[in-house]
Amino acid sequence: MNQLILDFADNAYPDSAAFLGNSNHQLREVLQSKHEAFVYVWDGEVAFGRDENSGAASIVLKAWAAEMQKKGYAVMCINAAVISEQRQLADDAVFSQDAVVIGNIDYLDAANQHRLFELFNHFRNRASGQLLLSAAVPPAGLTVREDLRTRLAYCLVYELKPLNDEEKAEALMQIANAWQIPVDRDVFRYLLQYGPRDWGSLMTILLRISHDTLQYRRRVTLPLIRELLQQEVP
């Protein structure tokens, strides 16, 4: 399936709780409380590419950032897997945010690892605000500067547990509703049974569905999903 990136608004996401299910209740409580300054979320689910459609942990934090922005908080959300987004770390605006969310920090270059080190120091000295991070591995598995490794020790660390099929179908429905895609839940049940199950691929399929429904005014049907699943994966 060809990768498709569309320019959706950053707040076109359901609340982060939609991606957490019952097995991640501790992480859900921490995110909802907004009391913890440093939070690190990881999952071993490998996405197909380094873009905004990457793994589940990155998506959870992106949804949390959108949730906080809708409530009026100043939140900068950066995907380190995208070089152009990494460059945002050089902007001094990162130091004026209520929260900074950085997904896929395992892709930060050395200069931006140092910038993240400075962000840790900033939020700790300010004694307010939040720094939320995600990666595909736990902190001990990162290849990072040693000064940054010492700061990662400040974080509460959570391994993201996978959703069961009903929870994942519900999360997909909530994304579809946020993106105003008319679709029946049975479409997602079929997709989860016969299609890819990682969040990177699922988000790309949703983007493609949205593109087709908006551009061609096609209804989201099982034949459309079968057509998408039959396309060649590069």
C-alpha atoms as a PDB file:
ATOM      1  CA  MET A   1       0.000   0.000   0.000  1.00  0.00           C
ATOM      2  CA  ASN A   2       1.412   3.364  -0.958  1.00  0.00           C
ATOM      3  CA  GLN A   3       2.087   5.634   1.978  1.00  0.00           C
ATOM      4  CA  LEU A   4      -0.344   8.535   2.053  1.00  0.00           C
ATOM      5  CA  ILE A   5       0.086  11.595   4.202  1.00  0.00           C
ATOM      6  CA  LEU A   6      -2.756  14.100   4.461  1.00  0.00           C
ATOM      7  CA  ASP A   7      -2.800  17.400   6.273  1.00  0.00           C
ATOM      8  CA  PHE A   8      -5.314  16.777   9.045  1.00  0.00           C
ATOM      9  CA  ALA A   9      -5.650  19.306  11.833  1.00  0.00           C
ATOM     10  CA  ASP A  10      -3.598  18.381  14.887  1.00  0.00           C
ATOM     11  CA  ASN A  11      -6.734  18.291  17.020  1.00  0.00           C
ATOM     12  CA  ALA A  12      -8.556  15.817  14.731  1.00  0.00           C
ATOM     13  CA  TYR A  13      -8.053  13.028  17.236  1.00  0.00           C
ATOM     14  CA  PRO A  14     -10.222  11.469  19.911  1.00  0.00           C
ATOM     15  CA  ASP A  15      -9.066  11.721  23.518  1.00  0.00           C
ATOM     16  CA  SER A  16      -5.999   9.669  24.350  1.00  0.00           C
ATOM     17  CA  ALA A  17      -8.097   7.330  26.511  1.00  0.00           C
ATOM     18  CA  ALA A  18      -9.494   5.851  23.288  1.00  0.00           C
ATOM     19  CA  PHE A  19      -6.088   4.298  22.572  1.00  0.00           C
ATOM     20  CA  LEU A  20      -5.414   2.948  26.055  1.00  0.00           C
ATOM     21  CA  GLY A  21      -8.167   0.451  26.816  1.00  0.00           C
ATOM     22  CA  ASN A  22      -8.443  -1.297  30.171  1.00  0.00           C
ATOM     23  CA  SER A  23      -4.920  -2.709  30.363  1.00  0.00           C
ATOM     24  CA  ASN A  24      -3.272   0.740  30.361  1.00  0.00           C
ATOM     25  CA  HIS A  25      -5.344   2.207  33.172  1.00  0.00           C
ATOM     26  CA  GLN A  26      -2.336   3.466  35.150  1.00  0.00           C
ATOM     27  CA  LEU A  27      -1.016   5.414  32.169  1.00  0.00           C
ATOM     28  CA  ARG A  28      -4.496   6.770  31.504  1.00  0.00           C
ATOM     29  CA  GLU A  29      -4.728   8.071  35.069  1.00  0.00           C
ATOM     30  CA  VAL A  30      -1.295   9.707  34.840  1.00  0.00           C
ATOM     31  CA  LEU A  31      -2.136  11.437  31.557  1.00  0.00           C
ATOM     32  CA  GLN A  32      -5.480  12.634  32.853  1.00  0.00           C
ATOM     33  CA  SER A  33      -4.052  13.949  36.126  1.00  0.00           C
ATOM     34  CA  LYS A  34      -1.362  16.122  34.445  1.00  0.00           C
ATOM     35  CA  HIS A  35       0.607  15.981  37.713  1.00  0.00           C
ATOM     36  CA  GLU A  36       3.703  14.133  36.479  1.00  0.00           C
ATOM     37  CA  ALA A  37       6.372  16.322  34.876  1.00  0.00           C
ATOM     38  CA  PHE A  38       8.167  13.579  32.932  1.00  0.00           C
ATOM     39  CA  VAL A  39       6.472  10.601  31.282  1.00  0.00           C
ATOM     40  CA  TYR A  40       8.013   8.066  28.893  1.00  0.00           C
ATOM     41  CA  VAL A  41       5.842   5.635  26.926  1.00  0.00           C
ATOM     42  CA  TRP A  42       7.200   2.822  24.806  1.00  0.00           C
ATOM     43  CA  ASP A  43       5.895  -0.062  22.766  1.00  0.00           C
ATOM     44  CA  GLY A  44       7.606  -2.669  20.665  1.00  0.00           C
ATOM     45  CA  GLU A  45       5.159  -2.431  17.778  1.00  0.00           C
ATOM     46  CA  VAL A  46       7.247  -1.578  14.720  1.00  0.00           C
ATOM     47  CA  ALA A  47       5.594   0.766  12.242  1.00  0.00           C
ATOM     48  CA  PHE A  48       6.270   0.558   8.516  1.00  0.00           C
ATOM     49  CA  GLY A  49       7.868   3.979   8.284  1.00  0.00           C
ATOM     50  CA  ARG A  50       9.167   6.986  10.137  1.00  0.00           C
ATOM     51  CA  ASP A  51       6.302   9.408   9.814  1.00  0.00           C
ATOM     52  CA  GLU A  52       3.366  10.761  11.759  1.00  0.00           C
ATOM     53  CA  ASN A  53       1.565   7.456  11.283  1.00  0.00           C
ATOM     54  CA  SER A  54       4.055   5.567  13.417  1.00  0.00           C
ATOM     55  CA  GLY A  55       3.610   3.309  16.452  1.00  0.00           C
ATOM     56  CA  ALA A  56       0.938   3.276  19.098  1.00  0.00           C
ATOM     57  CA  ALA A  57       2.905   5.127  21.787  1.00  0.00           C
ATOM     58  CA  SER A  58       3.495   8.087  19.490  1.00  0.00           C
ATOM     59  CA  ILE A  59      -0.195   8.160  18.523  1.00  0.00           C
ATOM     60  CA  VAL A  60      -1.307   8.081  22.174  1.00  0.00           C
ATOM     61  CA  LEU A  61       0.834  11.123  22.988  1.00  0.00           C
ATOM     62  CA  LYS A  62      -0.244  12.966  19.837  1.00  0.00           C
ATOM     63  CA  ALA A  63      -3.872  12.433  20.863  1.00  0.00           C
ATOM     64  CA  TRP A  64      -3.076  13.655  24.395  1.00  0.00           C
ATOM     65  CA  ALA A  65      -1.439  16.787  22.952  1.00  0.00           C
ATOM     66  CA  ALA A  66      -4.498  17.507  20.811  1.00  0.00           C
ATOM     67  CA  GLU A  67      -6.723  16.947  23.847  1.00  0.00           C
ATOM     68  CA  MET A  68      -4.741  19.474  25.903  1.00  0.00           C
ATOM     69  CA  GLN A  69      -4.668  22.012  23.054  1.00  0.00           C
ATOM     70  CA  LYS A  70      -8.460  21.856  22.811  1.00  0.00           C
ATOM     71  CA  LYS A  71      -8.574  22.671  26.538  1.00  0.00           C
ATOM     72  CA  GLY A  72      -6.456  25.790  26.000  1.00  0.00           C
ATOM     73  CA  TYR A  73      -3.015  24.548  27.007  1.00  0.00           C
ATOM     74  CA  ALA A  74       0.056  25.544  24.999  1.00  0.00           C
ATOM     75  CA  VAL A  75       1.416  22.206  23.789  1.00  0.00           C
ATOM     76  CA  MET A  76       4.060  21.606  21.138  1.00  0.00           C
ATOM     77  CA  CYS A  77       3.940  18.160  19.551  1.00  0.00           C
ATOM     78  CA  ILE A  78       7.006  16.978  17.654  1.00  0.00           C
ATOM     79  CA  ASN A  79       7.577  13.703  15.827  1.00  0.00           C
ATOM     80  CA  ALA A  80      11.308  13.063  15.892  1.00  0.00           C
ATOM     81  CA  ALA A  81      10.936  10.535  13.065  1.00  0.00           C
ATOM     82  CA  VAL A  82      10.278  13.475  10.716  1.00  0.00           C
ATOM     83  CA  ILE A  83      13.390  15.586  10.112  1.00  0.00           C
ATOM     84  CA  SER A  84      11.414  18.772   9.512  1.00  0.00           C
ATOM     85  CA  GLU A  85       9.674  18.345  12.858  1.00  0.00           C
ATOM     86  CA  GLN A  86      12.949  17.660  14.659  1.00  0.00           C
ATOM     87  CA  ARG A  87      14.033  21.141  13.594  1.00  0.00           C
ATOM     88  CA  GLN A  88      11.266  22.614  15.761  1.00  0.00           C
ATOM     89  CA  LEU A  89      13.340  21.709  18.796  1.00  0.00           C
ATOM     90  CA  ALA A  90      15.759  24.475  17.834  1.00  0.00           C
ATOM     91  CA  ASP A  91      12.954  27.025  18.259  1.00  0.00           C
ATOM     92  CA  ASP A  92      13.064  28.744  21.653  1.00  0.00           C
ATOM     93  CA  ALA A  93       9.259  28.509  21.656  1.00  0.00           C
ATOM     94  CA  VAL A  94       9.675  25.021  23.129  1.00  0.00           C
ATOM     95  CA  PHE A  95      10.626  26.650  26.427  1.00  0.00           C
ATOM     96  CA  SER A  96       7.379  28.649  26.657  1.00  0.00           C
ATOM     97  CA  GLN A  97       5.003  25.677  26.365  1.00  0.00           C
ATOM     98  CA  ASP A  98       2.821  24.202  29.072  1.00  0.00           C
ATOM     99  CA  ALA A  99       3.858  20.821  27.703  1.00  0.00           C
ATOM    100  CA  VAL A 100       6.136  19.415  25.038  1.00  0.00           C
ATOM    101  CA  VAL A 101       5.408  16.046  23.447  1.00  0.00           C
ATOM    102  CA  ILE A 102       8.159  14.322  21.463  1.00  0.00           C
ATOM    103  CA  GLY A 103       7.346  11.068  19.726  1.00  0.00           C
ATOM    104  CA  ASN A 104       9.913   8.559  18.475  1.00  0.00           C
ATOM    105  CA  ILE A 105      12.828  10.039  20.394  1.00  0.00           C
ATOM    106  CA  ASP A 106      14.943   7.069  19.300  1.00  0.00           C
ATOM    107  CA  TYR A 107      15.365   9.006  16.024  1.00  0.00           C
ATOM    108  CA  LEU A 108      16.763  12.204  17.548  1.00  0.00           C
ATOM    109  CA  ASP A 109      20.169  13.222  16.210  1.00  0.00           C
ATOM    110  CA  ALA A 110      22.961  14.206  18.604  1.00  0.00           C
ATOM    111  CA  ALA A 111      22.182  17.933  18.479  1.00  0.00           C
ATOM    112  CA  ASN A 112      18.528  17.382  19.289  1.00  0.00           C
ATOM    113  CA  GLN A 113      19.378  14.889  22.013  1.00  0.00           C
ATOM    114  CA  HIS A 114      21.251  17.756  23.656  1.00  0.00           C
ATOM    115  CA  ARG A 115      18.221  19.989  23.113  1.00  0.00           C
ATOM    116  CA  LEU A 116      16.057  17.402  24.866  1.00  0.00           C
ATOM    117  CA  PHE A 117      18.572  17.377  27.723  1.00  0.00           C
ATOM    118  CA  GLU A 118      18.089  21.166  27.993  1.00  0.00           C
ATOM    119  CA  LEU A 119      14.307  20.717  28.012  1.00  0.00           C
ATOM    120  CA  PHE A 120      14.555  18.326  30.938  1.00  0.00           C
ATOM    121  CA  ASN A 121      16.590  20.904  32.845  1.00  0.00           C
ATOM    122  CA  HIS A 122      14.170  23.683  31.910  1.00  0.00           C
ATOM    123  CA  PHE A 123      11.041  21.905  33.115  1.00  0.00           C
ATOM    124  CA  ARG A 124      12.744  20.679  36.258  1.00  0.00           C
ATOM    125  CA  ASN A 125      13.987  24.163  37.170  1.00  0.00           C
ATOM    126  CA  ARG A 126      10.650  25.753  36.317  1.00  0.00           C
ATOM    127  CA  ALA A 127       8.834  23.227  38.535  1.00  0.00           C
ATOM    128  CA  SER A 128       5.832  23.293  36.225  1.00  0.00           C
ATOM    129  CA  GLY A 129       4.868  21.927  32.846  1.00  0.00           C
ATOM    130  CA  GLN A 130       5.216  18.496  31.332  1.00  0.00           C
ATOM    131  CA  LEU A 131       7.556  16.658  29.002  1.00  0.00           C
ATOM    132  CA  LEU A 132       6.082  13.523  27.448  1.00  0.00           C
ATOM    133  CA  LEU A 133       8.207  11.181  25.336  1.00  0.00           C
ATOM    134  CA  SER A 134       7.684   8.025  23.320  1.00  0.00           C
ATOM    135  CA  ALA A 135       9.911   5.460  21.620  1.00  0.00           C
ATOM    136  CA  ALA A 136       9.872   1.887  20.376  1.00  0.00           C
ATOM    137  CA  VAL A 137      12.128   0.692  23.194  1.00  0.00           C
ATOM    138  CA  PRO A 138      12.448   1.325  26.941  1.00  0.00           C
ATOM    139  CA  PRO A 139      14.958   4.005  28.022  1.00  0.00           C
ATOM    140  CA  ALA A 140      17.669   1.424  28.693  1.00  0.00           C
ATOM    141  CA  GLY A 141      17.491   0.344  25.039  1.00  0.00           C
ATOM    142  CA  LEU A 142      18.121   3.810  23.599  1.00  0.00           C
ATOM    143  CA  THR A 143      21.417   4.807  22.019  1.00  0.00           C
ATOM    144  CA  VAL A 144      21.706   8.335  23.388  1.00  0.00           C
ATOM    145  CA  ARG A 145      24.162  10.754  24.941  1.00  0.00           C
ATOM    146  CA  GLU A 146      25.022   9.873  28.512  1.00  0.00           C
ATOM    147  CA  ASP A 147      23.907  13.273  29.814  1.00  0.00           C
ATOM    148  CA  LEU A 148      20.472  12.662  28.303  1.00  0.00           C
ATOM    149  CA  ARG A 149      20.363   9.150  29.751  1.00  0.00           C
ATOM    150  CA  THR A 150      20.693  10.616  33.249  1.00  0.00           C
ATOM    151  CA  ARG A 151      17.692  12.862  32.594  1.00  0.00           C
ATOM    152  CA  LEU A 152      15.572  10.039  31.211  1.00  0.00           C
ATOM    153  CA  ALA A 153      15.859   8.527  34.680  1.00  0.00           C
ATOM    154  CA  TYR A 154      13.490  11.300  35.849  1.00  0.00           C
ATOM    155  CA  CYS A 155      10.632   9.780  33.832  1.00  0.00           C
ATOM    156  CA  LEU A 156       7.775   7.597  34.872  1.00  0.00           C
ATOM    157  CA  VAL A 157       8.073   4.784  32.328  1.00  0.00           C
ATOM    158  CA  TYR A 158       5.130   2.853  30.905  1.00  0.00           C
ATOM    159  CA  GLU A 159       5.092   0.005  28.430  1.00  0.00           C
ATOM    160  CA  LEU A 160       2.019   0.420  26.270  1.00  0.00           C
ATOM    161  CA  LYS A 161      -0.080  -2.734  26.356  1.00  0.00           C
ATOM    162  CA  PRO A 162      -1.897  -3.695  23.124  1.00  0.00           C
ATOM    163  CA  LEU A 163      -5.648  -3.228  22.835  1.00  0.00           C
ATOM    164  CA  ASN A 164      -7.916  -6.179  22.291  1.00  0.00           C
ATOM    165  CA  ASP A 165      -9.857  -6.277  19.023  1.00  0.00           C
ATOM    166  CA  GLU A 166     -13.020  -4.653  20.379  1.00  0.00           C
ATOM    167  CA  GLU A 167     -11.013  -1.837  21.988  1.00  0.00           C
ATOM    168  CA  LYS A 168      -9.045  -1.292  18.800  1.00  0.00           C
ATOM    169  CA  ALA A 169     -12.232  -1.253  16.696  1.00  0.00           C
ATOM    170  CA  GLU A 170     -13.701   1.322  19.098  1.00  0.00           C
ATOM    171  CA  ALA A 171     -10.565   3.467  18.821  1.00  0.00           C
ATOM    172  CA  LEU A 172     -10.731   3.304  15.019  1.00  0.00           C
ATOM    173  CA  MET A 173     -14.406   4.311  15.153  1.00  0.00           C
ATOM    174  CA  GLN A 174     -13.561   7.309  17.305  1.00  0.00           C
ATOM    175  CA  ILE A 175     -10.825   8.397  14.887  1.00  0.00           C
ATOM    176  CA  ALA A 176     -13.258   8.005  11.984  1.00  0.00           C
ATOM    177  CA  ASN A 177     -15.817  10.134  13.834  1.00  0.00           C
ATOM    178  CA  ALA A 178     -13.174  12.795  14.539  1.00  0.00           C
ATOM    179  CA  TRP A 179     -12.263  12.831  10.842  1.00  0.00           C
ATOM    180  CA  GLN A 180     -15.953  12.784   9.844  1.00  0.00           C
ATOM    181  CA  ILE A 181     -15.679   9.486   7.966  1.00  0.00           C
ATOM    182  CA  PRO A 182     -19.039   7.674   7.783  1.00  0.00           C
ATOM    183  CA  VAL A 183     -18.257   4.035   8.425  1.00  0.00           C
ATOM    184  CA  ASP A 184     -19.810   1.031  10.127  1.00  0.00           C
ATOM    185  CA  ARG A 185     -17.971  -0.753  12.935  1.00  0.00           C
ATOM    186  CA  ASP A 186     -18.148  -4.025  10.971  1.00  0.00           C
ATOM    187  CA  VAL A 187     -15.699  -2.534   8.465  1.00  0.00           C
ATOM    188  CA  PHE A 188     -13.103  -2.216  11.207  1.00  0.00           C
ATOM    189  CA  ARG A 189     -13.832  -5.700  12.532  1.00  0.00           C
ATOM    190  CA  TYR A 190     -13.137  -7.043   9.054  1.00  0.00           C
ATOM    191  CA  LEU A 191      -9.982  -4.948   8.762  1.00  0.00           C
ATOM    192  CA  LEU A 192      -8.638  -6.248  12.068  1.00  0.00           C
ATOM    193  CA  GLN A 193      -9.380  -9.836  11.064  1.00  0.00           C
ATOM    194  CA  TYR A 194      -7.822  -9.748   7.598  1.00  0.00           C
ATOM    195  CA  GLY A 195      -5.585  -6.698   7.470  1.00  0.00           C
ATOM    196  CA  PRO A 196      -2.496  -5.358   9.220  1.00  0.00           C
ATOM    197  CA  ARG A 197      -2.845  -4.797  12.939  1.00  0.00           C
ATOM    198  CA  ASP A 198      -0.065  -2.320  13.739  1.00  0.00           C
ATOM    199  CA  TRP A 199      -1.138   1.270  14.287  1.00  0.00           C
ATOM    200  CA  GLY A 200       1.117   2.667  11.569  1.00  0.00           C
ATOM    201  CA  SER A 201      -0.593   0.613   8.872  1.00  0.00           C
ATOM    202  CA  LEU A 202      -4.064   1.153  10.347  1.00  0.00           C
ATOM    203  CA  MET A 203      -3.610   4.929  10.376  1.00  0.00           C
ATOM    204  CA  THR A 204      -2.447   4.863   6.752  1.00  0.00           C
ATOM    205  CA  ILE A 205      -5.540   2.883   5.763  1.00  0.00           C
ATOM    206  CA  LEU A 206      -7.712   5.424   7.578  1.00  0.00           C
ATOM    207  CA  LEU A 207      -5.989   8.256   5.734  1.00  0.00           C
ATOM    208  CA  ARG A 208      -6.590   6.517   2.436  1.00  0.00           C
ATOM    209  CA  ILE A 209     -10.249   5.888   3.304  1.00  0.00           C
ATOM    210  CA  SER A 210     -10.670   9.549   4.216  1.00  0.00           C
ATOM    211  CA  HIS A 211      -8.991  10.630   0.989  1.00  0.00           C
ATOM    212  CA  ASP A 212     -11.274   8.449  -1.105  1.00  0.00           C
ATOM    213  CA  THR A 213     -14.462   9.450   0.705  1.00  0.00           C
ATOM    214  CA  LEU A 214     -13.634  13.174   0.439  1.00  0.00           C
ATOM    215  CA  GLN A 215     -12.257  13.239  -3.096  1.00  0.00           C
ATOM    216  CA  TYR A 216     -14.428  10.630  -4.783  1.00  0.00           C
ATOM    217  CA  ARG A 217     -17.401  10.699  -2.411  1.00  0.00           C
ATOM    218  CA  ARG A 218     -17.094   6.928  -2.015  1.00  0.00           C
ATOM    219  CA  ARG A 219     -18.884   5.205   0.799  1.00  0.00           C
ATOM    220  CA  VAL A 220     -16.759   3.162   3.177  1.00  0.00           C
ATOM    221  CA  THR A 221     -17.771  -0.387   2.343  1.00  0.00           C
ATOM    222  CA  LEU A 222     -16.260  -3.831   2.768  1.00  0.00           C
ATOM    223  CA  PRO A 223     -15.369  -3.952  -0.974  1.00  0.00           C
ATOM    224  CA  LEU A 224     -13.386  -0.723  -0.530  1.00  0.00           C
ATOM    225  CA  ILE A 225     -11.490  -2.209   2.401  1.00  0.00           C
ATOM    226  CA  ARG A 226     -10.809  -5.396   0.426  1.00  0.00           C
ATOM    227  CA  GLU A 227      -9.495  -3.246  -2.439  1.00  0.00           C
ATOM    228  CA  LEU A 228      -7.125  -1.405  -0.119  1.00  0.00           C
ATOM    229  CA  LEU A 229      -5.867  -4.623   1.435  1.00  0.00           C
ATOM    230  CA  GLN A 230      -5.150  -6.131  -1.970  1.00  0.00           C
ATOM    231  CA  GLN A 231      -2.872  -3.274  -3.012  1.00  0.00           C
ATOM    232  CA  GLU A 232       0.798  -4.063  -3.021  1.00  0.00           C
ATOM    233  CA  VAL A 233       2.816  -3.095   0.048  1.00  0.00           C
ATOM    234  CA  PRO A 234       6.105  -1.435  -1.063  1.00  0.00           C
END
